[in-house]
Amino acid sequence: MDETSLYLFCGKRADRIKALYWDGTGYILLHKRLTEKRFQWPRDEAELKKLTQQEFRWLMEGLSITQTKAFVPGKPGTVC
C-alpha cells in the first residue's frame, strides 16, 4: 500500500462508510454516516472503480459520482 491509499468499506444499508488510511506510521480508521441519503456504492465487482478526488468528494456528500456537471451555469440577469 502506498502513502496515498484509502480503502473504503460500506454496509448493506449504504448509509455508513468506514475507511482505512495509511499515514506512513500506522492506519487511521475513519467513519462517516449520512442521515438522509445513501452512498452510491457498487453492487458487484464489475462496478468497482478507482475514484478521482472530485468523485470522492461527491461520494462523501451522498451525491452521484457519475455526474456530467457539478453545477448548471446560469445566464446573466437570471436568478435561480
N, C-alpha and C. Protein backbone atom coordinates (compact mmCIF):
# COMPACT_ATOMS: atom_id res chain seq x y z
N MET A 1 0.86 -1.17 0.00
CA MET A 1 0.00 0.00 0.00
C MET A 1 0.90 1.23 0.00
N ASP A 2 0.63 2.18 -0.90
CA ASP A 2 1.43 3.40 -0.91
C ASP A 2 0.83 4.43 0.05
N GLU A 3 1.49 5.58 0.20
CA GLU A 3 1.08 6.57 1.20
C GLU A 3 -0.23 7.28 0.85
N THR A 4 -0.71 7.16 -0.37
CA THR A 4 -1.93 7.87 -0.75
C THR A 4 -3.14 6.94 -0.87
N SER A 5 -3.02 5.73 -0.37
CA SER A 5 -4.12 4.77 -0.50
C SER A 5 -5.17 4.97 0.59
N LEU A 6 -6.41 4.86 0.17
CA LEU A 6 -7.55 4.93 1.07
C LEU A 6 -8.49 3.81 0.67
N TYR A 7 -8.82 2.94 1.60
CA TYR A 7 -9.71 1.81 1.32
C TYR A 7 -11.03 2.05 2.01
N LEU A 8 -12.13 1.97 1.23
CA LEU A 8 -13.47 2.25 1.74
C LEU A 8 -14.28 0.97 1.86
N PHE A 9 -15.12 0.91 2.91
CA PHE A 9 -15.99 -0.24 3.16
C PHE A 9 -17.38 0.29 3.49
N CYS A 10 -18.40 -0.36 2.93
CA CYS A 10 -19.77 0.10 3.14
C CYS A 10 -20.66 -1.09 3.44
N GLY A 11 -21.59 -0.93 4.38
CA GLY A 11 -22.52 -1.99 4.74
C GLY A 11 -23.71 -2.06 3.79
N LYS A 12 -24.63 -2.97 4.07
CA LYS A 12 -25.80 -3.19 3.21
C LYS A 12 -26.72 -1.98 3.12
N ARG A 13 -26.89 -1.24 4.20
CA ARG A 13 -27.80 -0.08 4.19
C ARG A 13 -27.22 1.09 3.41
N ALA A 14 -25.94 1.10 3.18
CA ALA A 14 -25.23 2.13 2.41
C ALA A 14 -25.39 3.54 2.99
N ASP A 15 -25.65 3.63 4.29
CA ASP A 15 -25.73 4.95 4.91
C ASP A 15 -24.48 5.26 5.74
N ARG A 16 -23.54 4.29 5.80
CA ARG A 16 -22.30 4.47 6.57
C ARG A 16 -21.12 3.95 5.77
N ILE A 17 -20.01 4.65 5.89
CA ILE A 17 -18.77 4.22 5.25
C ILE A 17 -17.67 4.20 6.31
N LYS A 18 -16.85 3.18 6.26
CA LYS A 18 -15.64 3.12 7.08
C LYS A 18 -14.47 3.14 6.11
N ALA A 19 -13.39 3.80 6.52
CA ALA A 19 -12.22 3.92 5.66
C ALA A 19 -10.96 3.60 6.44
N LEU A 20 -10.01 2.96 5.78
CA LEU A 20 -8.68 2.72 6.33
C LEU A 20 -7.70 3.56 5.52
N TYR A 21 -6.91 4.36 6.20
CA TYR A 21 -5.92 5.21 5.56
C TYR A 21 -4.57 4.96 6.21
N TRP A 22 -3.53 4.76 5.41
CA TRP A 22 -2.17 4.56 5.92
C TRP A 22 -1.45 5.89 5.87
N ASP A 23 -0.99 6.40 7.01
CA ASP A 23 -0.32 7.71 7.04
C ASP A 23 1.20 7.60 7.08
N GLY A 24 1.73 6.40 6.90
CA GLY A 24 3.17 6.19 6.92
C GLY A 24 3.67 5.62 8.23
N THR A 25 2.92 5.81 9.30
CA THR A 25 3.32 5.28 10.61
C THR A 25 2.30 4.31 11.17
N GLY A 26 1.12 4.30 10.61
CA GLY A 26 0.06 3.42 11.09
C GLY A 26 -1.23 3.70 10.33
N TYR A 27 -2.24 2.92 10.63
CA TYR A 27 -3.54 3.08 9.99
C TYR A 27 -4.42 4.05 10.77
N ILE A 28 -5.24 4.78 10.03
CA ILE A 28 -6.25 5.64 10.62
C ILE A 28 -7.60 5.06 10.18
N LEU A 29 -8.50 4.86 11.13
CA LEU A 29 -9.85 4.37 10.82
C LEU A 29 -10.80 5.55 10.86
N LEU A 30 -11.51 5.76 9.76
CA LEU A 30 -12.48 6.86 9.64
C LEU A 30 -13.87 6.27 9.50
N HIS A 31 -14.88 7.00 9.97
CA HIS A 31 -16.28 6.55 9.89
C HIS A 31 -17.15 7.74 9.52
N LYS A 32 -18.02 7.56 8.53
CA LYS A 32 -18.94 8.63 8.14
C LYS A 32 -20.32 8.04 7.97
N ARG A 33 -21.34 8.75 8.47
CA ARG A 33 -22.73 8.31 8.36
C ARG A 33 -23.55 9.43 7.77
N LEU A 34 -24.35 9.10 6.76
CA LEU A 34 -25.29 10.06 6.18
C LEU A 34 -26.62 9.91 6.90
N THR A 35 -27.25 11.02 7.24
CA THR A 35 -28.52 10.95 7.98
C THR A 35 -29.73 10.87 7.06
N GLU A 36 -29.65 11.44 5.86
CA GLU A 36 -30.83 11.46 4.99
C GLU A 36 -30.63 10.77 3.65
N LYS A 37 -29.41 10.49 3.26
CA LYS A 37 -29.14 9.90 1.95
C LYS A 37 -28.40 8.58 2.12
N ARG A 38 -28.12 7.96 0.99
CA ARG A 38 -27.32 6.74 0.97
C ARG A 38 -26.14 6.97 0.04
N PHE A 39 -25.04 6.29 0.34
CA PHE A 39 -23.87 6.38 -0.51
C PHE A 39 -24.11 5.58 -1.79
N GLN A 40 -23.64 6.12 -2.92
CA GLN A 40 -23.70 5.37 -4.17
C GLN A 40 -22.58 4.34 -4.08
N TRP A 41 -22.95 3.07 -4.00
CA TRP A 41 -21.96 2.03 -3.74
C TRP A 41 -22.09 0.92 -4.76
N PRO A 42 -20.96 0.36 -5.25
CA PRO A 42 -21.03 -0.72 -6.25
C PRO A 42 -21.72 -1.96 -5.67
N ARG A 43 -22.54 -2.60 -6.51
CA ARG A 43 -23.28 -3.78 -6.08
C ARG A 43 -22.51 -5.07 -6.33
N ASP A 44 -21.55 -5.01 -7.26
CA ASP A 44 -20.74 -6.20 -7.54
C ASP A 44 -19.34 -5.76 -8.00
N GLU A 45 -18.50 -6.74 -8.21
CA GLU A 45 -17.10 -6.47 -8.56
C GLU A 45 -16.96 -5.71 -9.89
N ALA A 46 -17.89 -5.93 -10.81
CA ALA A 46 -17.84 -5.27 -12.12
C ALA A 46 -18.03 -3.75 -11.99
N GLU A 47 -18.68 -3.29 -10.94
CA GLU A 47 -18.94 -1.86 -10.74
C GLU A 47 -17.81 -1.15 -9.98
N LEU A 48 -16.81 -1.88 -9.52
CA LEU A 48 -15.70 -1.27 -8.79
C LEU A 48 -14.92 -0.33 -9.69
N LYS A 49 -14.45 0.77 -9.13
CA LYS A 49 -13.63 1.70 -9.91
C LYS A 49 -12.76 2.54 -8.99
N LYS A 50 -11.71 3.07 -9.55
CA LYS A 50 -10.84 3.99 -8.83
C LYS A 50 -11.47 5.38 -8.94
N LEU A 51 -11.56 6.10 -7.83
CA LEU A 51 -12.22 7.40 -7.82
C LEU A 51 -11.22 8.55 -7.97
N THR A 52 -11.65 9.58 -8.66
CA THR A 52 -10.88 10.82 -8.68
C THR A 52 -11.16 11.56 -7.37
N GLN A 53 -10.40 12.62 -7.10
CA GLN A 53 -10.65 13.41 -5.89
C GLN A 53 -12.04 14.02 -5.92
N GLN A 54 -12.50 14.50 -7.08
CA GLN A 54 -13.84 15.09 -7.18
C GLN A 54 -14.91 14.03 -6.94
N GLU A 55 -14.77 12.85 -7.54
CA GLU A 55 -15.74 11.78 -7.33
C GLU A 55 -15.79 11.37 -5.86
N PHE A 56 -14.63 11.34 -5.20
CA PHE A 56 -14.59 11.02 -3.77
C PHE A 56 -15.35 12.07 -2.96
N ARG A 57 -15.18 13.35 -3.27
CA ARG A 57 -15.93 14.41 -2.56
C ARG A 57 -17.42 14.24 -2.77
N TRP A 58 -17.84 13.96 -4.01
CA TRP A 58 -19.27 13.74 -4.28
C TRP A 58 -19.78 12.54 -3.49
N LEU A 59 -19.01 11.45 -3.46
CA LEU A 59 -19.41 10.26 -2.72
C LEU A 59 -19.59 10.59 -1.24
N MET A 60 -18.68 11.32 -0.64
CA MET A 60 -18.75 11.66 0.77
C MET A 60 -19.91 12.60 1.09
N GLU A 61 -20.42 13.32 0.07
CA GLU A 61 -21.57 14.20 0.26
C GLU A 61 -22.89 13.49 -0.05
N GLY A 62 -22.82 12.21 -0.42
CA GLY A 62 -24.03 11.46 -0.74
C GLY A 62 -24.54 11.72 -2.14
N LEU A 63 -23.71 12.29 -3.00
CA LEU A 63 -24.09 12.60 -4.38
C LEU A 63 -23.68 11.47 -5.31
N SER A 64 -24.19 11.51 -6.53
CA SER A 64 -23.80 10.55 -7.55
C SER A 64 -22.38 10.85 -8.01
N ILE A 65 -21.57 9.81 -8.19
CA ILE A 65 -20.20 10.04 -8.66
C ILE A 65 -20.12 10.07 -10.18
N THR A 66 -21.25 9.87 -10.85
CA THR A 66 -21.26 9.86 -12.32
C THR A 66 -21.88 11.13 -12.88
N GLN A 67 -21.79 12.22 -12.16
CA GLN A 67 -22.34 13.49 -12.64
C GLN A 67 -21.55 13.97 -13.86
N THR A 68 -22.26 14.49 -14.84
CA THR A 68 -21.57 15.05 -16.00
C THR A 68 -21.15 16.48 -15.74
N LYS A 69 -21.87 17.16 -14.86
CA LYS A 69 -21.54 18.54 -14.49
C LYS A 69 -21.73 18.69 -12.98
N ALA A 70 -20.88 19.45 -12.35
CA ALA A 70 -21.01 19.68 -10.92
C ALA A 70 -22.10 20.70 -10.63
N PHE A 71 -22.41 21.58 -11.58
CA PHE A 71 -23.45 22.59 -11.41
C PHE A 71 -23.94 23.02 -12.78
N VAL A 72 -25.10 23.63 -12.80
CA VAL A 72 -25.66 24.15 -14.04
C VAL A 72 -25.36 25.65 -14.09
N PRO A 73 -24.57 26.09 -15.07
CA PRO A 73 -24.25 27.52 -15.14
C PRO A 73 -25.49 28.34 -15.46
N GLY A 74 -25.63 29.48 -14.81
CA GLY A 74 -26.75 30.38 -15.06
C GLY A 74 -26.44 31.38 -16.15
N LYS A 75 -27.46 32.11 -16.54
CA LYS A 75 -27.29 33.15 -17.55
C LYS A 75 -27.27 34.50 -16.83
N PRO A 76 -26.53 35.45 -17.34
CA PRO A 76 -26.51 36.79 -16.72
C PRO A 76 -27.92 37.36 -16.60
N GLY A 77 -28.23 37.93 -15.45
CA GLY A 77 -29.53 38.58 -15.24
C GLY A 77 -30.63 37.64 -14.76
N THR A 78 -30.33 36.36 -14.56
CA THR A 78 -31.36 35.42 -14.08
C THR A 78 -31.05 35.01 -12.64
N VAL A 79 -32.10 34.69 -11.93
CA VAL A 79 -31.97 34.22 -10.55
C VAL A 79 -32.56 32.82 -10.50
N CYS A 80 -31.82 31.90 -9.91
CA CYS A 80 -32.30 30.50 -9.82
C CYS A 80 -32.98 30.27 -8.51
